[in-house]
């Protein structure tokens, strides 16, 4: 390839990257606005849970885990039905220490639905050094509050 063709291709790729970042930003902004509009009544009544929801939004958890942690975000070839897992039952699955560990250290390995297929593009990033201890406690409290009431009563 000659130099001009390479420069044009780099320009096109740069424009594509810029466009994809803008689209992701717009989607994130829409998710945040929708999350505020559909706030959980429980969280509004409890200031701690409300602050935990704010942390959930601040760190863009809503972008992958959906409004109120209900999921529904596509993650191609992920073993979890090709979706990012919902967070509504983390209180049933993880202790506070385990949940804290997942948030701080992330989960880089996402099991594949098709072993021969591509690696799922979305994974849980690590927030160690990014999230404060206070925000972490608020977030864990909020996540534990997401479990449907009926499930808690049936224990």
N, C-alpha and C. Protein backbone atom coordinates (compact mmCIF):
# COMPACT_ATOMS: atom_id res chain seq x y z
N UNK A 1 0.84 -1.18 0.00
CA UNK A 1 0.00 0.00 0.00
C UNK A 1 0.88 1.24 0.00
N UNK A 2 0.39 2.25 -0.66
CA UNK A 2 1.17 3.47 -0.63
C UNK A 2 0.77 4.30 0.59
N UNK A 3 1.52 5.32 0.87
CA UNK A 3 1.38 6.14 2.07
C UNK A 3 0.03 6.84 2.14
N UNK A 4 -0.48 7.32 1.04
CA UNK A 4 -1.75 8.03 1.04
C UNK A 4 -2.90 7.09 1.41
N UNK A 5 -2.90 5.89 0.87
CA UNK A 5 -3.94 4.91 1.18
C UNK A 5 -3.89 4.56 2.67
N UNK A 6 -2.69 4.38 3.21
CA UNK A 6 -2.53 4.06 4.63
C UNK A 6 -3.07 5.20 5.51
N UNK A 7 -2.77 6.44 5.13
CA UNK A 7 -3.27 7.59 5.90
C UNK A 7 -4.79 7.67 5.84
N UNK A 8 -5.38 7.40 4.69
CA UNK A 8 -6.83 7.41 4.56
C UNK A 8 -7.45 6.32 5.43
N UNK A 9 -6.85 5.14 5.41
CA UNK A 9 -7.37 4.04 6.23
C UNK A 9 -7.26 4.35 7.72
N UNK A 10 -6.16 4.94 8.14
CA UNK A 10 -5.99 5.32 9.55
C UNK A 10 -7.05 6.37 9.92
N UNK A 11 -7.30 7.32 9.03
CA UNK A 11 -8.32 8.33 9.27
C UNK A 11 -9.70 7.72 9.39
N UNK A 12 -10.02 6.78 8.52
CA UNK A 12 -11.32 6.11 8.56
C UNK A 12 -11.46 5.31 9.85
N UNK A 13 -10.42 4.58 10.23
CA UNK A 13 -10.46 3.80 11.47
C UNK A 13 -10.60 4.72 12.68
N UNK A 14 -9.92 5.84 12.67
CA UNK A 14 -10.04 6.81 13.76
C UNK A 14 -11.45 7.36 13.85
N UNK A 15 -12.05 7.65 12.73
CA UNK A 15 -13.42 8.14 12.69
C UNK A 15 -14.39 7.07 13.20
N UNK A 16 -14.15 5.81 12.82
CA UNK A 16 -15.00 4.72 13.30
C UNK A 16 -14.87 4.57 14.82
N UNK A 17 -13.67 4.68 15.34
CA UNK A 17 -13.45 4.59 16.78
C UNK A 17 -14.15 5.73 17.51
N UNK A 18 -14.01 6.93 17.00
CA UNK A 18 -14.66 8.09 17.59
C UNK A 18 -16.18 7.90 17.60
N UNK A 19 -16.73 7.42 16.49
CA UNK A 19 -18.17 7.20 16.38
C UNK A 19 -18.64 6.15 17.39
N UNK A 20 -17.89 5.06 17.53
CA UNK A 20 -18.29 4.01 18.47
C UNK A 20 -18.25 4.52 19.90
N UNK A 21 -17.26 5.34 20.25
CA UNK A 21 -17.18 5.91 21.60
C UNK A 21 -18.38 6.83 21.84
N UNK A 22 -18.74 7.61 20.86
CA UNK A 22 -19.90 8.50 20.99
C UNK A 22 -21.19 7.69 21.18
N UNK A 23 -21.36 6.63 20.40
CA UNK A 23 -22.56 5.80 20.52
C UNK A 23 -22.65 5.18 21.91
N UNK A 24 -21.54 4.64 22.41
CA UNK A 24 -21.53 4.05 23.76
C UNK A 24 -21.86 5.12 24.79
N UNK A 25 -21.34 6.31 24.64
CA UNK A 25 -21.65 7.41 25.56
C UNK A 25 -23.13 7.77 25.55
N UNK A 26 -23.71 7.81 24.38
CA UNK A 26 -25.14 8.12 24.26
C UNK A 26 -25.98 7.02 24.90
N UNK A 27 -25.62 5.77 24.66
CA UNK A 27 -26.35 4.65 25.25
C UNK A 27 -26.24 4.71 26.77
N UNK A 28 -25.04 4.99 27.29
CA UNK A 28 -24.84 5.09 28.73
C UNK A 28 -25.68 6.22 29.31
N UNK A 29 -25.71 7.36 28.64
CA UNK A 29 -26.50 8.50 29.13
C UNK A 29 -27.99 8.14 29.15
N UNK A 30 -28.47 7.43 28.14
CA UNK A 30 -29.87 7.01 28.11
C UNK A 30 -30.18 6.05 29.25
N UNK A 31 -29.26 5.10 29.50
CA UNK A 31 -29.45 4.15 30.61
C UNK A 31 -29.51 4.89 31.94
N UNK A 32 -28.64 5.87 32.11
CA UNK A 32 -28.63 6.63 33.36
C UNK A 32 -29.92 7.42 33.54
N UNK A 33 -30.40 8.05 32.47
CA UNK A 33 -31.64 8.82 32.57
C UNK A 33 -32.82 7.89 32.86
N UNK A 34 -32.85 6.74 32.20
CA UNK A 34 -33.92 5.78 32.41
C UNK A 34 -33.86 5.22 33.83
N UNK A 35 -32.65 4.99 34.34
CA UNK A 35 -32.50 4.48 35.71
C UNK A 35 -33.03 5.48 36.72
N UNK A 36 -32.77 6.75 36.50
CA UNK A 36 -33.28 7.78 37.41
C UNK A 36 -34.81 7.84 37.33
N UNK A 37 -35.35 7.70 36.13
CA UNK A 37 -36.80 7.78 35.95
C UNK A 37 -37.51 6.58 36.57
N UNK A 38 -36.85 5.42 36.56
CA UNK A 38 -37.47 4.20 37.07
C UNK A 38 -36.85 3.78 38.40
N UNK A 39 -36.55 4.74 39.24
CA UNK A 39 -35.90 4.46 40.53
C UNK A 39 -36.72 3.50 41.36
N UNK A 40 -36.02 2.61 42.05
CA UNK A 40 -36.66 1.64 42.92
C UNK A 40 -37.30 2.37 44.10
N UNK A 41 -38.59 2.16 44.35
CA UNK A 41 -39.23 2.84 45.48
C UNK A 41 -38.55 2.57 46.81
N UNK A 42 -38.05 1.35 47.03
CA UNK A 42 -37.34 1.02 48.27
C UNK A 42 -36.14 1.93 48.46
N UNK A 43 -35.38 2.14 47.39
CA UNK A 43 -34.16 2.93 47.49
C UNK A 43 -34.48 4.40 47.77
N UNK A 44 -35.59 4.90 47.26
CA UNK A 44 -35.96 6.29 47.50
C UNK A 44 -36.31 6.49 48.97
N UNK A 45 -36.91 5.47 49.60
CA UNK A 45 -37.33 5.58 51.00
C UNK A 45 -36.16 5.45 51.96
N UNK A 46 -35.07 4.85 51.55
CA UNK A 46 -33.93 4.62 52.42
C UNK A 46 -32.74 5.41 51.87
N UNK A 47 -32.27 6.42 52.59
CA UNK A 47 -31.17 7.25 52.08
C UNK A 47 -29.89 6.46 51.77
N UNK A 48 -29.59 5.43 52.57
CA UNK A 48 -28.40 4.61 52.31
C UNK A 48 -28.51 3.91 50.96
N UNK A 49 -29.68 3.34 50.70
CA UNK A 49 -29.88 2.63 49.43
C UNK A 49 -29.90 3.61 48.27
N UNK A 50 -30.44 4.79 48.48
CA UNK A 50 -30.44 5.81 47.44
C UNK A 50 -29.01 6.20 47.09
N UNK A 51 -28.17 6.36 48.11
CA UNK A 51 -26.75 6.69 47.86
C UNK A 51 -26.05 5.52 47.18
N UNK A 52 -26.41 4.29 47.54
CA UNK A 52 -25.85 3.11 46.87
C UNK A 52 -26.22 3.06 45.40
N UNK A 53 -27.48 3.44 45.09
CA UNK A 53 -27.90 3.50 43.68
C UNK A 53 -27.11 4.56 42.93
N UNK A 54 -26.83 5.68 43.60
CA UNK A 54 -26.02 6.73 42.97
C UNK A 54 -24.62 6.21 42.65
N UNK A 55 -24.05 5.41 43.54
CA UNK A 55 -22.73 4.80 43.27
C UNK A 55 -22.85 3.85 42.08
N UNK A 56 -23.92 3.07 42.03
CA UNK A 56 -24.19 2.14 40.92
C UNK A 56 -24.20 2.89 39.59
N UNK A 57 -24.79 4.07 39.59
CA UNK A 57 -24.84 4.89 38.38
C UNK A 57 -23.50 5.59 38.13
N UNK A 58 -22.87 6.09 39.18
CA UNK A 58 -21.60 6.82 39.07
C UNK A 58 -20.52 5.98 38.39
N UNK A 59 -20.46 4.70 38.72
CA UNK A 59 -19.44 3.83 38.15
C UNK A 59 -19.94 3.07 36.92
N UNK A 60 -21.07 3.52 36.36
CA UNK A 60 -21.65 2.98 35.12
C UNK A 60 -21.99 1.50 35.19
N UNK A 61 -22.29 0.99 36.37
CA UNK A 61 -22.72 -0.41 36.50
C UNK A 61 -23.99 -0.65 35.68
N UNK A 62 -24.83 0.38 35.62
CA UNK A 62 -26.09 0.30 34.90
C UNK A 62 -25.86 0.02 33.40
N UNK A 63 -24.73 0.42 32.87
CA UNK A 63 -24.45 0.22 31.44
C UNK A 63 -24.39 -1.25 31.06
N UNK A 64 -23.88 -2.07 31.96
CA UNK A 64 -23.76 -3.51 31.68
C UNK A 64 -24.83 -4.33 32.39
N UNK A 65 -25.14 -3.97 33.63
CA UNK A 65 -26.06 -4.78 34.42
C UNK A 65 -27.51 -4.31 34.33
N UNK A 66 -27.76 -3.21 33.63
CA UNK A 66 -29.11 -2.73 33.41
C UNK A 66 -29.68 -1.96 34.60
N UNK A 67 -30.83 -1.40 34.38
CA UNK A 67 -31.52 -0.61 35.39
C UNK A 67 -31.87 -1.51 36.57
N UNK A 68 -31.57 -1.03 37.76
CA UNK A 68 -31.80 -1.79 39.00
C UNK A 68 -31.16 -3.17 38.95
N UNK A 69 -30.09 -3.33 38.17
CA UNK A 69 -29.36 -4.58 38.11
C UNK A 69 -30.12 -5.73 37.51
N UNK A 70 -31.15 -5.43 36.72
CA UNK A 70 -32.03 -6.47 36.17
C UNK A 70 -31.45 -7.16 34.94
N UNK A 71 -30.30 -6.70 34.45
CA UNK A 71 -29.66 -7.35 33.32
C UNK A 71 -30.29 -6.97 31.99
N UNK A 72 -30.14 -7.90 31.03
CA UNK A 72 -30.71 -7.69 29.71
C UNK A 72 -29.74 -7.10 28.70
N UNK A 73 -28.48 -6.87 29.10
CA UNK A 73 -27.49 -6.31 28.20
C UNK A 73 -26.77 -7.45 27.48
N UNK A 74 -26.74 -7.40 26.17
CA UNK A 74 -26.17 -8.46 25.35
C UNK A 74 -24.66 -8.58 25.53
N UNK A 75 -24.18 -9.82 25.64
CA UNK A 75 -22.75 -10.12 25.72
C UNK A 75 -22.51 -11.36 24.85
N UNK A 76 -22.24 -11.12 23.59
CA UNK A 76 -22.14 -12.17 22.58
C UNK A 76 -21.25 -13.32 23.03
N UNK A 77 -21.76 -14.53 22.89
CA UNK A 77 -21.09 -15.79 23.17
C UNK A 77 -20.80 -16.02 24.66
N UNK A 78 -21.44 -15.27 25.54
CA UNK A 78 -21.28 -15.52 26.98
C UNK A 78 -22.17 -16.69 27.37
N UNK A 79 -21.67 -17.53 28.26
CA UNK A 79 -22.39 -18.71 28.69
C UNK A 79 -23.69 -18.36 29.43
N UNK A 80 -23.77 -17.15 29.94
CA UNK A 80 -24.96 -16.71 30.67
C UNK A 80 -26.03 -16.20 29.70
N UNK A 81 -26.48 -17.08 28.82
CA UNK A 81 -27.53 -16.78 27.83
C UNK A 81 -27.16 -15.59 26.95
N UNK A 82 -25.88 -15.40 26.71
CA UNK A 82 -25.34 -14.32 25.90
C UNK A 82 -25.73 -12.95 26.44
N UNK A 83 -25.88 -12.86 27.77
CA UNK A 83 -26.23 -11.62 28.45
C UNK A 83 -25.26 -11.39 29.61
N UNK A 84 -25.10 -10.12 29.99
CA UNK A 84 -24.39 -9.80 31.23
C UNK A 84 -25.33 -10.25 32.35
N UNK A 85 -24.83 -10.96 33.35
CA UNK A 85 -25.74 -11.46 34.39
C UNK A 85 -26.42 -10.35 35.17
N UNK A 86 -27.69 -10.56 35.53
CA UNK A 86 -28.38 -9.59 36.38
C UNK A 86 -27.80 -9.65 37.79
N UNK A 87 -28.07 -8.63 38.58
CA UNK A 87 -27.55 -8.56 39.95
C UNK A 87 -28.65 -8.70 40.99
N UNK A 88 -29.84 -9.05 40.58
CA UNK A 88 -30.97 -9.07 41.50
C UNK A 88 -30.87 -10.16 42.56
N UNK A 89 -30.04 -11.17 42.36
CA UNK A 89 -29.93 -12.26 43.34
C UNK A 89 -28.53 -12.38 43.94
N UNK A 90 -27.72 -11.32 43.87
CA UNK A 90 -26.38 -11.42 44.44
C UNK A 90 -26.41 -11.66 45.94
N UNK A 91 -27.44 -11.17 46.64
CA UNK A 91 -27.54 -11.39 48.09
C UNK A 91 -27.70 -12.88 48.39
N UNK A 92 -28.28 -13.61 47.47
CA UNK A 92 -28.49 -15.04 47.64
C UNK A 92 -27.24 -15.84 47.25
N UNK A 93 -26.39 -15.28 46.41
CA UNK A 93 -25.26 -16.00 45.85
C UNK A 93 -23.91 -15.69 46.48
N UNK A 94 -23.74 -14.47 47.00
CA UNK A 94 -22.43 -14.04 47.48
C UNK A 94 -22.52 -13.41 48.86
N UNK A 95 -21.48 -13.65 49.66
CA UNK A 95 -21.35 -12.94 50.93
C UNK A 95 -20.85 -11.54 50.63
N UNK A 96 -20.87 -10.67 51.62
CA UNK A 96 -20.37 -9.31 51.43
C UNK A 96 -18.90 -9.34 51.01
N UNK A 97 -18.11 -10.22 51.62
CA UNK A 97 -16.68 -10.33 51.29
C UNK A 97 -16.47 -10.81 49.85
N UNK A 98 -17.27 -11.79 49.41
CA UNK A 98 -17.14 -12.30 48.04
C UNK A 98 -17.54 -11.24 47.03
N UNK A 99 -18.61 -10.53 47.31
CA UNK A 99 -19.08 -9.47 46.41
C UNK A 99 -18.05 -8.35 46.35
N UNK A 100 -17.49 -7.99 47.48
CA UNK A 100 -16.45 -6.97 47.54
C UNK A 100 -15.25 -7.39 46.69
N UNK A 101 -14.87 -8.65 46.79
CA UNK A 101 -13.73 -9.17 46.02
C UNK A 101 -14.00 -9.09 44.52
N UNK A 102 -15.22 -9.44 44.10
CA UNK A 102 -15.56 -9.36 42.66
C UNK A 102 -15.52 -7.93 42.16
N UNK A 103 -16.01 -6.99 42.98
CA UNK A 103 -16.01 -5.59 42.57
C UNK A 103 -14.59 -5.04 42.52
N UNK A 104 -13.79 -5.34 43.52
CA UNK A 104 -12.43 -4.80 43.60
C UNK A 104 -11.49 -5.43 42.57
N UNK A 105 -11.61 -6.75 42.35
CA UNK A 105 -10.66 -7.43 41.47
C UNK A 105 -11.21 -7.75 40.08
N UNK A 106 -12.51 -7.60 39.90
CA UNK A 106 -13.12 -7.84 38.60
C UNK A 106 -13.23 -9.32 38.27
N UNK A 107 -13.80 -9.60 37.13
CA UNK A 107 -13.94 -10.96 36.62
C UNK A 107 -13.57 -10.90 35.14
N UNK A 108 -12.33 -11.17 34.82
CA UNK A 108 -11.85 -11.06 33.44
C UNK A 108 -12.28 -12.23 32.57
N UNK A 109 -12.42 -13.41 33.17
CA UNK A 109 -12.75 -14.59 32.39
C UNK A 109 -14.26 -14.79 32.36
N UNK A 110 -14.85 -14.66 31.19
CA UNK A 110 -16.28 -14.91 31.01
C UNK A 110 -16.38 -16.20 30.21
N UNK A 111 -17.05 -17.19 30.79
CA UNK A 111 -17.18 -18.48 30.12
C UNK A 111 -17.91 -18.34 28.78
N UNK A 112 -17.41 -19.07 27.78
CA UNK A 112 -17.99 -19.00 26.43
C UNK A 112 -19.16 -19.97 26.28
N UNK A 113 -20.18 -19.55 25.55
CA UNK A 113 -21.29 -20.42 25.20
C UNK A 113 -20.79 -21.47 24.19
N UNK A 114 -20.07 -21.01 23.18
CA UNK A 114 -19.46 -21.87 22.17
C UNK A 114 -17.96 -21.82 22.38
N UNK A 115 -17.37 -22.92 22.81
CA UNK A 115 -15.94 -22.95 23.12
C UNK A 115 -15.08 -22.54 21.92
N UNK A 116 -15.55 -22.77 20.71
CA UNK A 116 -14.79 -22.41 19.52
C UNK A 116 -15.07 -20.99 19.05
N UNK A 117 -16.03 -20.33 19.67
CA UNK A 117 -16.42 -18.98 19.27
C UNK A 117 -15.52 -17.93 19.91
N UNK A 118 -15.80 -16.67 19.60
CA UNK A 118 -14.98 -15.57 20.14
C UNK A 118 -15.21 -15.38 21.64
N UNK A 119 -14.25 -14.75 22.28
CA UNK A 119 -14.37 -14.40 23.69
C UNK A 119 -15.44 -13.33 23.84
N UNK A 120 -16.34 -13.48 24.82
CA UNK A 120 -17.36 -12.45 25.02
C UNK A 120 -16.70 -11.09 25.25
N UNK A 121 -17.22 -10.03 24.63
CA UNK A 121 -16.54 -8.73 24.70
C UNK A 121 -16.66 -8.02 26.05
N UNK A 122 -17.71 -8.30 26.83
CA UNK A 122 -17.89 -7.60 28.10
C UNK A 122 -17.45 -8.48 29.27
N UNK A 123 -16.76 -7.88 30.21
CA UNK A 123 -16.34 -8.57 31.43
C UNK A 123 -16.37 -7.56 32.57
N UNK A 124 -16.32 -8.06 33.79
CA UNK A 124 -16.37 -7.20 34.97
C UNK A 124 -15.00 -6.59 35.21
N UNK A 125 -14.88 -5.26 35.10
CA UNK A 125 -13.58 -4.63 35.35
C UNK A 125 -13.28 -4.55 36.85
N UNK A 126 -12.02 -4.36 37.18
CA UNK A 126 -11.59 -4.21 38.58
C UNK A 126 -11.73 -2.74 38.99
N UNK A 127 -12.23 -2.51 40.19
CA UNK A 127 -12.41 -1.15 40.69
C UNK A 127 -11.49 -0.84 41.87
N UNK A 128 -10.54 -1.73 42.15
CA UNK A 128 -9.60 -1.50 43.25
C UNK A 128 -8.78 -0.24 42.92
N UNK A 129 -8.70 0.67 43.89
CA UNK A 129 -8.00 1.92 43.67
C UNK A 129 -8.85 2.98 43.00
N UNK A 130 -10.05 2.60 42.58
CA UNK A 130 -10.95 3.54 41.91
C UNK A 130 -12.13 3.88 42.82
N UNK A 131 -12.67 2.86 43.49
CA UNK A 131 -13.84 3.04 44.36
C UNK A 131 -13.37 3.14 45.81
N UNK A 132 -13.96 4.08 46.54
CA UNK A 132 -13.60 4.24 47.96
C UNK A 132 -14.28 3.14 48.79
N UNK A 133 -13.77 2.92 49.99
CA UNK A 133 -14.37 1.93 50.89
C UNK A 133 -15.82 2.28 51.20
N UNK A 134 -16.09 3.57 51.40
CA UNK A 134 -17.45 4.02 51.70
C UNK A 134 -18.38 3.74 50.52
N UNK A 135 -17.94 4.09 49.30
CA UNK A 135 -18.76 3.82 48.12
C UNK A 135 -18.96 2.32 47.92
N UNK A 136 -17.93 1.54 48.20
CA UNK A 136 -18.04 0.08 48.06
C UNK A 136 -19.10 -0.46 49.01
N UNK A 137 -19.10 -0.01 50.26
CA UNK A 137 -20.11 -0.45 51.23
C UNK A 137 -21.51 -0.03 50.79
N UNK A 138 -21.65 1.20 50.30
CA UNK A 138 -22.96 1.67 49.83
C UNK A 138 -23.43 0.84 48.64
N UNK A 139 -22.52 0.54 47.71
CA UNK A 139 -22.85 -0.24 46.53
C UNK A 139 -23.29 -1.65 46.92
N UNK A 140 -22.56 -2.28 47.81
CA UNK A 140 -22.91 -3.64 48.24
C UNK A 140 -24.26 -3.65 48.94
N UNK A 141 -24.52 -2.65 49.77
CA UNK A 141 -25.84 -2.54 50.41
C UNK A 141 -26.94 -2.41 49.39
N UNK A 142 -26.71 -1.60 48.38
CA UNK A 142 -27.72 -1.41 47.32
C UNK A 142 -27.92 -2.71 46.55
N UNK A 143 -26.83 -3.38 46.16
CA UNK A 143 -26.96 -4.62 45.41
C UNK A 143 -27.71 -5.68 46.20
N UNK A 144 -27.44 -5.77 47.50
CA UNK A 144 -28.15 -6.73 48.33
C UNK A 144 -29.62 -6.40 48.46
N UNK A 145 -29.99 -5.14 48.29
CA UNK A 145 -31.40 -4.74 48.40
C UNK A 145 -32.19 -5.07 47.13
N UNK A 146 -31.52 -5.44 46.05
CA UNK A 146 -32.21 -5.66 44.78
C UNK A 146 -32.97 -6.98 44.71
N UNK A 147 -32.67 -7.90 45.63
CA UNK A 147 -33.33 -9.20 45.59
C UNK A 147 -34.82 -9.01 45.82
N UNK A 148 -35.65 -9.60 44.94
CA UNK A 148 -37.09 -9.45 45.10
C UNK A 148 -37.56 -9.87 46.49
N UNK A 149 -38.52 -9.15 47.03
CA UNK A 149 -39.01 -9.38 48.40
C UNK A 149 -39.50 -10.81 48.59
N UNK A 150 -40.23 -11.37 47.65
CA UNK A 150 -40.74 -12.73 47.77
C UNK A 150 -39.61 -13.72 48.02
N UNK A 151 -38.48 -13.54 47.33
CA UNK A 151 -37.35 -14.45 47.48
C UNK A 151 -36.81 -14.40 48.90
N UNK A 152 -36.72 -13.21 49.48
CA UNK A 152 -36.21 -13.07 50.84
C UNK A 152 -37.13 -13.76 51.83
N UNK A 153 -38.45 -13.66 51.61
CA UNK A 153 -39.42 -14.26 52.53
C UNK A 153 -39.40 -15.79 52.47
N UNK A 154 -38.99 -16.36 51.35
CA UNK A 154 -39.05 -17.80 51.19
C UNK A 154 -37.82 -18.51 51.77
N UNK A 155 -36.88 -17.80 52.35
CA UNK A 155 -35.68 -18.44 52.92
C UNK A 155 -36.07 -19.34 54.01
